[in-house]
Amino acid sequence: MLETAYFLITLDRHTPAEVARAVRRVPGITEAVVTMGNVDIIAVGQLDGTKGFPGLTDQLQRIAGVAKVAICVVVRP
C-alpha cells in the first residue's frame, strides 16, 4: 500500500528554492514547497510501506544546506 509522509526541513542559511529543487530530485519525494515559518521546506514523500521513510530522511539530510529533517508519517485509521 502506498504510504505518505511529510518531511519538515530546516535550512542553514542556503537558498530555499535551490534546496527545494534538490529535494524534488530525491526518489520517493512527490512535492517540495518553500514555506515561511518554523520550517523552510515541506516535502511530501510516498513509498510502498513505511519502512523506507528513515532512508528517505537520511537522503534529505545529506543535501547541502539542510540542517534538520523531521518526519510526520500519515496514519489512516
Foldseek 3Di string as FASTA:
>chain_A
DKWKKKKFWAFDPDDLVVLQVVLCPQPQWDHKDADPDPGGIIIMGIDDDDPCVVVSLVVSCPGPGTDDIDMGIDDDD
